[in-house]
Amino acid sequence: MTADNTDRLTRLEILVTEQEKTIEELSGQVAGQWKVIEGMRRKLDALTDRFLVLEEQTAPDIPVTKPPHY
């Protein structure tokens, strides 16, 4: 191998190593964000259930009657 090829190979190896590190960091960030999203989804589901229960408790019972013109 010539010196130019050796230098080129070294630069490529350094680049690959840096990219592997970046990929690992991004993977960790995505995993962390996924945990946050799952937690938020559970909270949203719980709040939705709570809202529906409260809505049912406070909704007035509307009697079914015929309008006066019938």
Protein backbone atom coordinates (compact mmCIF):
# COMPACT_ATOMS: atom_id res chain seq x y z
CA MET A 1 0.00 0.00 0.00
CA THR A 2 1.11 3.49 -0.71
CA ALA A 3 1.22 6.19 1.91
CA ASP A 4 -1.80 7.89 0.31
CA ASN A 5 -3.83 4.68 0.49
CA THR A 6 -2.80 4.11 4.10
CA ASP A 7 -3.82 7.67 5.02
CA ARG A 8 -7.12 7.25 3.19
CA LEU A 9 -7.81 3.95 4.95
CA THR A 10 -7.00 5.49 8.33
CA ARG A 11 -9.36 8.42 7.68
CA LEU A 12 -12.13 6.00 6.63
CA GLU A 13 -11.62 3.89 9.76
CA ILE A 14 -11.81 7.00 11.94
CA LEU A 15 -14.97 8.11 10.12
CA VAL A 16 -16.61 4.70 10.60
CA THR A 17 -15.71 4.72 14.30
CA GLU A 18 -17.20 8.20 14.75
CA GLN A 19 -20.35 7.17 12.88
CA GLU A 20 -20.75 4.06 15.04
CA LYS A 21 -20.51 6.23 18.16
CA THR A 22 -23.10 8.64 16.75
CA ILE A 23 -25.45 5.80 15.86
CA GLU A 24 -25.17 4.36 19.39
CA GLU A 25 -25.88 7.78 20.92
CA LEU A 26 -28.90 8.34 18.66
CA SER A 27 -30.20 4.86 19.41
CA GLY A 28 -30.01 5.62 23.13
CA GLN A 29 -31.85 8.90 22.63
CA VAL A 30 -34.58 7.22 20.58
CA ALA A 31 -35.01 4.54 23.26
CA GLY A 32 -35.30 7.23 25.94
CA GLN A 33 -37.81 9.21 23.92
CA TRP A 34 -39.85 6.06 23.32
CA LYS A 35 -40.08 5.52 27.09
CA VAL A 36 -41.30 9.11 27.51
CA ILE A 37 -43.88 8.65 24.74
CA GLU A 38 -45.16 5.42 26.30
CA GLY A 39 -45.48 7.14 29.68
CA MET A 40 -47.36 10.03 28.11
CA ARG A 41 -49.64 7.60 26.28
CA ARG A 42 -50.49 5.83 29.56
CA LYS A 43 -51.23 9.18 31.23
CA LEU A 44 -53.39 10.28 28.30
CA ASP A 45 -55.34 7.02 28.43
CA ALA A 46 -55.88 7.43 32.18
CA LEU A 47 -56.98 11.05 31.77
CA THR A 48 -59.32 10.10 28.93
CA ASP A 49 -60.92 7.40 31.08
CA ARG A 50 -61.25 9.82 33.99
CA PHE A 51 -62.77 12.49 31.76
CA LEU A 52 -65.34 10.04 30.36
CA VAL A 53 -66.35 8.96 33.87
CA LEU A 54 -66.70 12.56 35.00
CA GLU A 55 -68.63 13.44 31.87
CA GLU A 56 -71.06 10.59 32.49
CA GLN A 57 -71.52 11.69 36.11
CA THR A 58 -72.22 15.32 35.28
CA ALA A 59 -74.24 14.91 32.08
CA PRO A 60 -77.89 15.67 32.74
CA ASP A 61 -80.40 13.02 31.87
CA ILE A 62 -82.27 14.52 28.96
CA PRO A 63 -85.80 13.17 28.89
CA VAL A 64 -87.05 11.99 25.55
CA THR A 65 -90.24 13.93 24.95
CA LYS A 66 -92.19 14.88 21.90
CA PRO A 67 -92.06 18.52 20.89
CA PRO A 68 -95.20 20.50 21.73
CA HIS A 69 -96.38 20.65 18.11
CA TYR A 70 -97.03 16.86 17.93
